Amino acid sequence: MILDNEPDVTVVGEAGDGETAVAMARALRPDVVLMDVRMPRLDGIEATARIVADPDLADVRTLVLTTFDDDEYVYGALRAGAAGFLLKDADPQTLVDAVHRVRAGDSLLDPAVTGRIISTYVELARHAPLPGADAATGDAPAGLDAATPREREVLLAVARGLSNREIGAELHLTEATVKSHVRSLLTKVGLTNRVQLVILAYEAGVVRPGGAD
């Protein structure tokens, strides 16, 4: 109802379980999937993973809804390739803004839980490195070494949760240039989205939970 009331948002489908959500994503090709975590038949983590892994759905971005009690699910959703997560008690305007941000290519990490999520996630990720990382050591993807100084500045800003527009204002770059740097970073480290870049920044020690870079 919230999204349907927005003049520039159209709800093209609703699903009651994960399997139906994946099938509808393939049939309808929406810009954004607003994904619950706990669902019958197939949970939101696996549903997200299937959507992200489908090359025909490369332009479909998934925003996961979570609660403070869902931390263990969020780790899986982020690794599966979700574009971000939002608390279920978010106010209506925050929800609408989140959908727009994800559609525009930004990540969405709810500031109320990001620090704790990332901190615990990084600890768990030592046992399951991101794609491209050294499976034996858990080291960050080697492509990070090829990042330019400017790309590392952008990575730091992405890790702080800034949007492309905010990064551009801070680094005196156009929004298009910021997007270009983000795409280049993703290519170099072999990842798929900005959320995984945030995780990479923590795993690589570029930034640290609760502290400065």
Protein backbone atom coordinates (compact mmCIF):
# COMPACT_ATOMS: atom_id res chain seq x y z
CA MET A 1 0.00 0.00 0.00
CA ILE A 2 2.83 2.38 0.85
CA LEU A 3 4.59 1.84 -2.47
CA ASP A 4 1.40 1.80 -4.51
CA ASN A 5 0.64 5.30 -3.25
CA GLU A 6 3.85 6.62 -4.80
CA PRO A 7 3.27 8.18 -8.24
CA ASP A 8 6.60 6.93 -9.63
CA VAL A 9 6.46 3.40 -8.17
CA THR A 10 4.40 0.52 -9.53
CA VAL A 11 3.96 -2.73 -7.61
CA VAL A 12 3.91 -5.31 -10.40
CA GLY A 13 3.51 -8.39 -8.23
CA GLU A 14 3.33 -9.88 -4.74
CA ALA A 15 4.48 -13.33 -3.62
CA GLY A 16 3.70 -15.30 -0.48
CA ASP A 17 6.78 -17.52 -0.52
CA GLY A 18 10.33 -17.56 -1.85
CA GLU A 19 9.77 -19.92 -4.76
CA THR A 20 6.93 -17.77 -6.06
CA ALA A 21 9.06 -14.66 -5.58
CA VAL A 22 11.82 -16.08 -7.77
CA ALA A 23 9.35 -17.22 -10.42
CA MET A 24 7.64 -13.81 -10.48
CA ALA A 25 10.99 -12.02 -10.70
CA ARG A 26 11.81 -14.10 -13.78
CA ALA A 27 8.40 -13.43 -15.31
CA LEU A 28 8.02 -9.74 -14.47
CA ARG A 29 11.65 -8.49 -14.41
CA PRO A 30 11.06 -5.79 -11.76
CA ASP A 31 13.64 -3.12 -11.02
CA VAL A 32 13.57 -3.91 -7.29
CA VAL A 33 12.47 -6.93 -5.27
CA LEU A 34 11.51 -6.15 -1.67
CA MET A 35 12.36 -9.48 -0.05
CA ASP A 36 11.26 -10.81 3.33
CA VAL A 37 13.64 -13.21 5.07
CA ARG A 38 11.34 -15.70 6.74
CA MET A 39 8.99 -17.22 4.19
CA PRO A 40 7.55 -20.69 3.54
CA ARG A 41 8.91 -23.12 0.92
CA LEU A 42 12.04 -21.04 0.25
CA ASP A 43 13.53 -18.40 2.56
CA GLY A 44 14.57 -14.95 1.42
CA ILE A 45 18.26 -15.75 1.50
CA GLU A 46 18.04 -18.59 -1.00
CA ALA A 47 15.49 -16.67 -3.07
CA THR A 48 17.87 -13.72 -3.22
CA ALA A 49 20.77 -16.01 -4.19
CA ARG A 50 18.75 -17.50 -7.03
CA ILE A 51 17.77 -14.09 -8.37
CA VAL A 52 21.33 -12.76 -8.19
CA ALA A 53 22.73 -15.90 -9.85
CA ASP A 54 20.33 -15.70 -12.80
CA PRO A 55 22.05 -13.84 -15.67
CA ASP A 56 18.65 -12.93 -17.10
CA LEU A 57 17.92 -11.00 -13.88
CA ALA A 58 21.17 -9.04 -13.78
CA ASP A 59 19.27 -5.75 -13.60
CA VAL A 60 16.98 -6.86 -10.76
CA ARG A 61 18.12 -5.56 -7.38
CA THR A 62 16.99 -7.09 -4.09
CA LEU A 63 16.30 -5.15 -0.89
CA VAL A 64 15.92 -7.41 2.16
CA LEU A 65 13.62 -6.59 5.05
CA THR A 66 14.92 -7.66 8.45
CA THR A 67 14.46 -7.21 12.19
CA PHE A 68 17.02 -6.90 14.98
CA ASP A 69 16.54 -10.63 15.62
CA ASP A 70 17.40 -11.58 12.05
CA ASP A 71 21.15 -10.92 12.13
CA GLU A 72 22.07 -14.49 11.27
CA TYR A 73 19.89 -14.27 8.17
CA VAL A 74 21.29 -10.93 7.08
CA TYR A 75 24.81 -12.34 6.77
CA GLY A 76 23.53 -14.88 4.27
CA ALA A 77 21.50 -12.30 2.39
CA LEU A 78 24.49 -9.99 1.99
CA ARG A 79 26.70 -12.81 0.81
CA ALA A 80 23.95 -13.92 -1.56
CA GLY A 81 24.18 -10.54 -3.26
CA ALA A 82 21.36 -8.47 -1.76
CA ALA A 83 21.67 -4.78 -2.59
CA GLY A 84 20.97 -3.92 1.02
CA PHE A 85 18.70 -4.38 3.99
CA LEU A 86 16.16 -2.32 5.88
CA LEU A 87 14.50 -2.75 9.24
CA LYS A 88 10.85 -3.76 9.12
CA ASP A 89 9.90 -0.95 11.50
CA ALA A 90 11.24 1.70 9.14
CA ASP A 91 8.82 4.56 8.55
CA PRO A 92 6.99 4.72 5.20
CA GLN A 93 9.17 7.46 3.71
CA THR A 94 12.35 5.57 4.60
CA LEU A 95 10.97 2.53 2.80
CA VAL A 96 10.16 4.56 -0.30
CA ASP A 97 13.56 6.25 -0.25
CA ALA A 98 15.25 2.86 0.14
CA VAL A 99 13.53 1.47 -2.95
CA HIS A 100 14.60 4.53 -4.95
CA ARG A 101 18.19 4.33 -3.71
CA VAL A 102 18.50 0.65 -4.54
CA ARG A 103 16.96 1.25 -7.95
CA ALA A 104 19.53 4.00 -8.58
CA GLY A 105 22.38 1.61 -7.85
CA ASP A 106 23.21 2.65 -4.30
CA SER A 107 23.58 0.20 -1.46
CA LEU A 108 21.23 0.50 1.49
CA LEU A 109 22.57 -0.48 4.91
CA ASP A 110 20.29 0.60 7.73
CA PRO A 111 22.50 2.72 10.04
CA ALA A 112 20.69 1.39 13.11
CA VAL A 113 22.20 -2.05 12.67
CA THR A 114 25.01 -1.72 10.13
CA GLY A 115 27.86 -1.54 12.65
CA ARG A 116 26.82 -4.66 14.51
CA ILE A 117 25.92 -6.55 11.36
CA ILE A 118 29.22 -5.83 9.64
CA SER A 119 31.30 -6.48 12.75
CA THR A 120 29.83 -9.93 13.31
CA TYR A 121 29.68 -10.64 9.59
CA VAL A 122 33.39 -10.01 9.15
CA GLU A 123 34.17 -12.43 11.96
CA LEU A 124 32.02 -15.11 10.33
CA ALA A 125 33.38 -14.32 6.88
CA ARG A 126 36.84 -15.44 7.93
CA HIS A 127 35.47 -18.94 7.51
CA ALA A 128 33.73 -18.17 4.20
CA PRO A 129 35.63 -15.49 2.24
CA LEU A 130 33.98 -13.35 -0.38
CA PRO A 131 34.23 -14.47 -4.01
CA GLY A 132 37.76 -13.85 -5.28
CA ALA A 133 39.33 -14.02 -1.84
CA ASP A 134 42.04 -16.51 -0.96
CA ALA A 135 40.14 -19.56 0.24
CA ALA A 136 43.01 -20.64 2.48
CA THR A 137 43.82 -17.34 4.17
CA GLY A 138 40.60 -15.40 3.78
CA ASP A 139 42.59 -12.46 2.41
CA ALA A 140 40.65 -9.85 0.47
CA PRO A 141 40.43 -10.23 -3.31
CA ALA A 142 43.78 -9.52 -4.95
CA GLY A 143 42.14 -7.02 -7.29
CA LEU A 144 42.03 -4.51 -4.45
CA ASP A 145 45.78 -4.06 -4.88
CA ALA A 146 45.08 -2.76 -8.37
CA ALA A 147 42.72 -0.06 -7.12
CA THR A 148 43.86 3.49 -7.77
CA PRO A 149 44.19 5.98 -4.88
CA ARG A 150 40.96 7.63 -5.99
CA GLU A 151 39.16 4.28 -6.12
CA ARG A 152 40.31 3.59 -2.57
CA GLU A 153 38.88 6.95 -1.50
CA VAL A 154 35.59 5.97 -3.11
CA LEU A 155 35.73 2.58 -1.38
CA LEU A 156 36.13 4.28 2.00
CA ALA A 157 33.13 6.49 1.28
CA VAL A 158 31.03 3.53 0.10
CA ALA A 159 31.95 1.70 3.30
CA ARG A 160 30.60 4.65 5.29
CA GLY A 161 27.25 4.19 3.56
CA LEU A 162 27.39 7.35 1.44
CA SER A 163 25.36 7.56 -1.75
CA ASN A 164 26.96 8.36 -5.10
CA ARG A 165 25.76 11.95 -4.80
CA GLU A 166 27.19 12.32 -1.29
CA ILE A 167 30.51 10.78 -2.38
CA GLY A 168 30.67 13.16 -5.31
CA ALA A 169 30.07 16.18 -3.08
CA GLU A 170 32.72 15.05 -0.60
CA LEU A 171 35.38 14.18 -3.18
CA HIS A 172 34.46 16.95 -5.64
CA LEU A 173 33.50 14.48 -8.37
CA THR A 174 30.48 14.24 -10.63
CA GLU A 175 27.97 11.53 -9.82
CA ALA A 176 28.78 9.85 -13.14
CA THR A 177 32.47 9.73 -12.22
CA VAL A 178 31.66 8.16 -8.86
CA LYS A 179 29.57 5.50 -10.59
CA SER A 180 32.47 4.82 -12.94
CA HIS A 181 34.86 4.33 -10.00
CA VAL A 182 32.42 1.98 -8.28
CA ARG A 183 32.00 -0.10 -11.44
CA SER A 184 35.77 -0.25 -11.84
CA LEU A 185 36.21 -1.41 -8.24
CA LEU A 186 33.59 -4.11 -8.64
CA THR A 187 35.28 -5.38 -11.78
CA LYS A 188 38.75 -5.41 -10.24
CA VAL A 189 37.71 -7.34 -7.12
CA GLY A 190 35.22 -9.63 -8.85
CA LEU A 191 32.16 -8.63 -6.82
CA THR A 192 28.63 -7.81 -7.89
CA ASN A 193 27.33 -4.91 -5.80
CA ARG A 194 28.11 -2.07 -3.40
CA VAL A 195 27.10 -3.97 -0.31
CA GLN A 196 29.79 -6.53 -1.01
CA LEU A 197 32.23 -3.64 -1.46
CA VAL A 198 31.36 -2.51 2.07
CA ILE A 199 32.05 -6.00 3.39
CA LEU A 200 35.29 -6.12 1.42
CA ALA A 201 36.43 -2.86 3.00
CA TYR A 202 35.99 -4.38 6.45
CA GLU A 203 37.45 -7.77 5.57
CA ALA A 204 40.51 -6.09 4.06
CA GLY A 205 41.00 -3.88 7.11
CA VAL A 206 40.53 -0.72 5.04
CA VAL A 207 37.96 0.32 7.63
CA ARG A 208 37.10 -1.23 10.97
CA PRO A 209 33.75 -1.64 12.75
CA GLY A 210 33.19 1.27 15.09
CA GLY A 211 36.47 2.92 14.22
CA ALA A 212 38.17 5.18 11.75
CA ASP A 213 39.89 3.94 8.62
